[in-house]
Amino acid sequence: MRLEAVNKRYGALVVTHDVSLAVERGEIAGILGPNGAGKTTLFNLVAGTAKPDVGRIFFDDEDITGAAVSERCRKGIARSFQIPHPFGGMTVFENVLVGSTFGGSDHDPLARTADVLRLTQLDRKANALAGTLTLLERKRLEMARALSTDPKLLLLDEIAGGLTDQECQSLLAAIRDIHASGVTIVWIEHVVHALLSVARRLVVMNFGRVIADGEPAAVLANPEVKAVYMGEDVHV
């Protein structure tokens, strides 16, 4: 994924300002920033639910700036949302089957669904109604629905929010397994310790700009990052 000088504004509010960012195949990168920094808008731009006013977006060296959400999904871009909204009256299996059937996978939909449920540790909940799941299980289902489309790039938006430490550790194991399966991951998160346990690169945004990008320890030692986000020393 590559963004070149991407700008997005809503009226007088500039949400992303000259954002240039590249993510290589196989990376697992984290995005930090205070509320309103432009992080989720960045995901919207990559996934296609928002269009940049200026700038271009590339995926696998193809310009996808004007591509529809469905086209980007079939090319291998999938995302989760901060608040899971599964089809509550359908089973976990049926929720995942939707993505396996209509996403970008060339695999048999039933086989793909079964594989994704195992990968996200939801296979024992396959026949449960999605509306009966715990928060942790809904978070897993949110990832599973995205993975069902067989993505090359998975965008995770605050997937650890609201979880206990124990639940968070359980979710981290699934994220590591997903990454090990060959999926590139970009993860927005406010639960910093969770992000640092898996990310090998951090990008920090503030007021729509990228203010730091690099190895986690160096980024967290950046004085501007401390001032606008951390507020204190963070030991990695």
Protein backbone atom coordinates (compact mmCIF):
# COMPACT_ATOMS: atom_id res chain seq x y z
CA MET A 1 0.00 0.00 0.00
CA ARG A 2 1.26 3.45 -0.86
CA LEU A 3 -0.27 6.87 -0.28
CA GLU A 4 1.14 9.90 -2.05
CA ALA A 5 0.41 13.38 -0.61
CA VAL A 6 -3.17 12.47 0.31
CA ASN A 7 -5.44 15.24 1.55
CA LYS A 8 -9.01 14.97 2.78
CA ARG A 9 -11.16 17.77 4.13
CA TYR A 10 -14.74 18.08 5.29
CA GLY A 11 -15.69 21.70 4.78
CA ALA A 12 -13.04 23.80 6.51
CA LEU A 13 -11.76 20.84 8.54
CA VAL A 14 -8.63 19.23 7.08
CA VAL A 15 -8.67 15.62 8.29
CA THR A 16 -5.58 14.31 6.49
CA HIS A 17 -2.89 16.69 5.29
CA ASP A 18 -0.25 15.62 2.75
CA VAL A 19 -0.09 12.08 4.09
CA SER A 20 2.53 10.01 2.31
CA LEU A 21 2.95 6.51 3.62
CA ALA A 22 4.09 3.14 2.28
CA VAL A 23 3.51 -0.29 3.81
CA GLU A 24 5.43 -3.24 2.44
CA ARG A 25 4.11 -6.75 2.00
CA GLY A 26 4.46 -8.77 5.21
CA GLU A 27 4.68 -5.81 7.59
CA ILE A 28 2.73 -5.38 10.79
CA ALA A 29 2.57 -1.67 11.48
CA GLY A 30 0.79 0.25 14.21
CA ILE A 31 -0.82 3.69 13.99
CA LEU A 32 -1.06 5.88 17.08
CA GLY A 33 -2.54 9.30 17.60
CA PRO A 34 -5.02 11.22 19.73
CA ASN A 35 -8.71 11.28 18.92
CA GLY A 36 -9.32 13.37 15.83
CA ALA A 37 -5.83 12.80 14.45
CA GLY A 38 -7.19 11.39 11.18
CA LYS A 39 -6.42 7.73 11.76
CA THR A 40 -9.82 6.24 10.91
CA THR A 41 -10.19 8.65 7.97
CA LEU A 42 -6.90 7.25 6.69
CA PHE A 43 -8.42 3.75 6.79
CA ASN A 44 -11.56 5.04 5.07
CA LEU A 45 -9.40 6.43 2.27
CA VAL A 46 -7.51 3.17 1.82
CA ALA A 47 -10.65 1.01 2.00
CA GLY A 48 -12.58 3.32 -0.34
CA THR A 49 -15.41 4.58 1.86
CA ALA A 50 -13.92 8.07 1.47
CA LYS A 51 -12.18 9.64 -1.52
CA PRO A 52 -9.16 11.94 -1.26
CA ASP A 53 -9.50 15.53 -2.43
CA VAL A 54 -5.85 15.50 -3.48
CA GLY A 55 -3.29 12.75 -3.80
CA ARG A 56 -3.18 9.15 -4.96
CA ILE A 57 -3.46 5.71 -3.38
CA PHE A 58 -1.71 2.63 -4.76
CA PHE A 59 -2.09 -1.06 -3.95
CA ASP A 60 0.28 -3.61 -5.48
CA ASP A 61 1.59 -0.72 -7.61
CA GLU A 62 -1.86 -0.14 -9.10
CA ASP A 63 -3.57 3.24 -8.74
CA ILE A 64 -6.81 2.53 -6.84
CA THR A 65 -7.64 6.14 -5.98
CA GLY A 66 -10.96 6.00 -7.79
CA ALA A 67 -11.76 2.32 -7.22
CA ALA A 68 -14.98 1.26 -5.49
CA VAL A 69 -14.98 -0.44 -2.08
CA SER A 70 -16.04 -3.76 -3.63
CA GLU A 71 -13.21 -3.59 -6.17
CA ARG A 72 -10.65 -2.90 -3.45
CA CYS A 73 -12.01 -5.82 -1.45
CA ARG A 74 -11.56 -8.16 -4.41
CA LYS A 75 -8.02 -6.85 -4.90
CA GLY A 76 -7.18 -7.82 -1.30
CA ILE A 77 -7.98 -4.96 1.10
CA ALA A 78 -10.15 -5.70 4.14
CA ARG A 79 -10.85 -3.80 7.32
CA SER A 80 -12.47 -4.09 10.71
CA PHE A 81 -14.46 -1.36 12.47
CA GLN A 82 -14.17 0.05 15.99
CA ILE A 83 -17.66 -1.13 16.93
CA PRO A 84 -18.55 -4.61 15.61
CA HIS A 85 -21.93 -4.82 13.89
CA PRO A 86 -22.40 -8.46 12.84
CA PHE A 87 -25.66 -9.82 11.48
CA GLY A 88 -27.04 -10.59 14.93
CA GLY A 89 -29.76 -12.98 13.76
CA MET A 90 -27.33 -15.09 11.76
CA THR A 91 -24.88 -17.64 13.09
CA VAL A 92 -21.17 -16.98 13.34
CA PHE A 93 -20.63 -19.38 10.43
CA GLU A 94 -23.20 -17.57 8.28
CA ASN A 95 -21.66 -14.17 9.06
CA VAL A 96 -18.26 -15.34 7.84
CA LEU A 97 -19.73 -17.21 4.88
CA VAL A 98 -21.06 -13.92 3.47
CA GLY A 99 -17.52 -12.60 3.05
CA SER A 100 -16.19 -15.93 1.80
CA THR A 101 -18.89 -16.02 -0.87
CA PHE A 102 -18.81 -12.43 -2.09
CA GLY A 103 -15.26 -11.28 -1.26
CA GLY A 104 -12.10 -11.72 -3.25
CA SER A 105 -11.30 -15.34 -2.39
CA ASP A 106 -10.92 -17.99 -5.08
CA HIS A 107 -11.30 -20.72 -2.47
CA ASP A 108 -14.42 -22.77 -1.88
CA PRO A 109 -16.57 -20.52 0.36
CA LEU A 110 -17.41 -23.27 2.84
CA ALA A 111 -13.78 -24.35 3.16
CA ARG A 112 -12.60 -20.75 3.45
CA THR A 113 -15.17 -20.08 6.19
CA ALA A 114 -14.04 -23.12 8.17
CA ASP A 115 -10.38 -22.09 7.84
CA VAL A 116 -11.08 -18.54 9.02
CA LEU A 117 -13.09 -19.74 12.02
CA ARG A 118 -10.17 -21.92 13.08
CA LEU A 119 -7.67 -19.09 12.57
CA THR A 120 -9.72 -16.70 14.72
CA GLN A 121 -10.53 -19.40 17.30
CA LEU A 122 -14.27 -19.20 16.64
CA ASP A 123 -14.77 -22.73 15.31
CA ARG A 124 -16.48 -23.82 18.54
CA LYS A 125 -18.91 -20.92 18.19
CA ALA A 126 -19.76 -21.58 14.55
CA ASN A 127 -23.44 -22.34 15.22
CA ALA A 128 -24.00 -19.62 17.83
CA LEU A 129 -26.06 -16.58 16.89
CA ALA A 130 -23.79 -13.56 16.48
CA GLY A 131 -26.10 -11.52 18.70
CA THR A 132 -25.30 -13.77 21.68
CA LEU A 133 -21.51 -13.36 21.58
CA THR A 134 -19.35 -11.72 24.24
CA LEU A 135 -17.37 -8.59 23.35
CA LEU A 136 -14.19 -10.61 22.81
CA GLU A 137 -16.05 -13.04 20.55
CA ARG A 138 -17.57 -10.16 18.59
CA LYS A 139 -14.08 -8.72 18.12
CA ARG A 140 -12.93 -12.10 16.83
CA LEU A 141 -15.92 -12.24 14.51
CA GLU A 142 -15.12 -8.75 13.24
CA MET A 143 -11.65 -10.00 12.25
CA ALA A 144 -13.09 -13.22 10.83
CA ARG A 145 -15.53 -11.37 8.59
CA ALA A 146 -12.68 -9.29 7.19
CA LEU A 147 -10.43 -12.32 6.76
CA SER A 148 -13.15 -14.27 4.97
CA THR A 149 -12.51 -12.13 1.86
CA ASP A 150 -8.96 -13.55 1.70
CA PRO A 151 -7.15 -10.20 2.04
CA LYS A 152 -3.53 -9.38 1.40
CA LEU A 153 -3.86 -6.30 3.64
CA LEU A 154 -5.90 -6.23 6.85
CA LEU A 155 -6.74 -2.88 8.46
CA LEU A 156 -7.60 -3.26 12.16
CA ASP A 157 -9.33 -0.29 13.79
CA GLU A 158 -9.06 -0.34 17.62
CA ILE A 159 -9.77 -4.05 17.79
CA ALA A 160 -8.51 -4.28 21.42
CA GLY A 161 -10.70 -1.48 22.78
CA GLY A 162 -12.85 -2.42 25.77
CA LEU A 163 -11.14 -5.74 26.47
CA THR A 164 -9.57 -6.87 29.73
CA ASP A 165 -5.85 -7.61 29.81
CA GLN A 166 -6.51 -11.34 29.64
CA GLU A 167 -8.93 -10.94 26.73
CA CYS A 168 -6.45 -8.67 24.99
CA GLN A 169 -3.70 -11.29 25.27
CA SER A 170 -6.02 -13.86 23.77
CA LEU A 171 -6.80 -11.56 20.85
CA LEU A 172 -3.10 -10.83 20.32
CA ALA A 173 -2.45 -14.53 19.81
CA ALA A 174 -5.01 -14.56 17.00
CA ILE A 175 -3.47 -11.44 15.41
CA ARG A 176 -0.03 -13.08 15.46
CA ASP A 177 -1.48 -16.17 13.79
CA ILE A 178 -3.16 -14.03 11.12
CA HIS A 179 0.11 -12.24 10.40
CA ALA A 180 2.00 -15.55 10.31
CA SER A 181 -0.47 -16.80 7.68
CA GLY A 182 0.89 -14.16 5.28
CA VAL A 183 -1.47 -11.22 5.83
CA THR A 184 0.00 -7.72 6.03
CA ILE A 185 -1.51 -5.81 8.97
CA VAL A 186 -1.92 -2.12 9.73
CA TRP A 187 -3.43 -1.59 13.17
CA ILE A 188 -4.87 1.57 14.74
CA GLU A 189 -4.94 1.20 18.52
CA HIS A 190 -5.10 3.21 21.74
CA VAL A 191 -4.13 0.19 23.87
CA VAL A 192 -0.45 0.95 23.39
CA HIS A 193 1.00 -2.06 25.21
CA ALA A 194 -1.02 -4.39 22.97
CA LEU A 195 0.20 -2.64 19.83
CA LEU A 196 3.83 -2.70 20.96
CA SER A 197 3.70 -6.45 21.55
CA VAL A 198 3.23 -7.15 17.84
CA ALA A 199 4.07 -4.07 15.76
CA ARG A 200 7.61 -3.65 14.48
CA ARG A 201 6.88 -0.18 13.12
CA LEU A 202 4.88 2.74 14.51
CA VAL A 203 3.31 5.64 12.66
CA VAL A 204 2.03 8.55 14.75
CA MET A 205 -0.52 11.06 13.46
CA ASN A 206 -1.63 14.40 14.83
CA PHE A 207 -4.05 16.90 13.25
CA GLY A 208 -4.07 14.88 10.04
CA ARG A 209 -0.30 14.76 9.63
CA VAL A 210 2.23 11.98 10.08
CA ILE A 211 4.63 13.30 12.72
CA ALA A 212 6.73 10.16 13.28
CA ASP A 213 7.31 6.87 11.50
CA GLY A 214 9.80 4.14 12.33
CA GLU A 215 11.00 1.61 14.87
CA PRO A 216 8.79 1.74 18.02
CA ALA A 217 11.44 2.69 20.57
CA ALA A 218 12.72 5.56 18.42
CA VAL A 219 9.20 6.81 17.67
CA LEU A 220 8.14 6.79 21.32
CA ALA A 221 11.32 8.66 22.25
CA ASN A 222 10.45 11.41 19.77
CA PRO A 223 9.80 14.63 21.77
CA GLU A 224 6.87 15.65 19.54
CA VAL A 225 5.22 12.27 20.00
CA LYS A 226 5.58 12.56 23.78
CA ALA A 227 4.15 16.05 23.74
CA VAL A 228 1.07 15.40 21.60
CA TYR A 229 0.15 11.87 22.58
CA MET A 230 2.02 10.08 25.31
CA GLY A 231 2.39 12.91 27.81
CA GLU A 232 5.18 11.01 29.59
CA ASP A 233 8.04 8.65 28.99
CA VAL A 234 7.07 5.25 27.68
CA HIS A 235 9.48 2.37 28.17
CA VAL A 236 9.51 -0.23 25.39
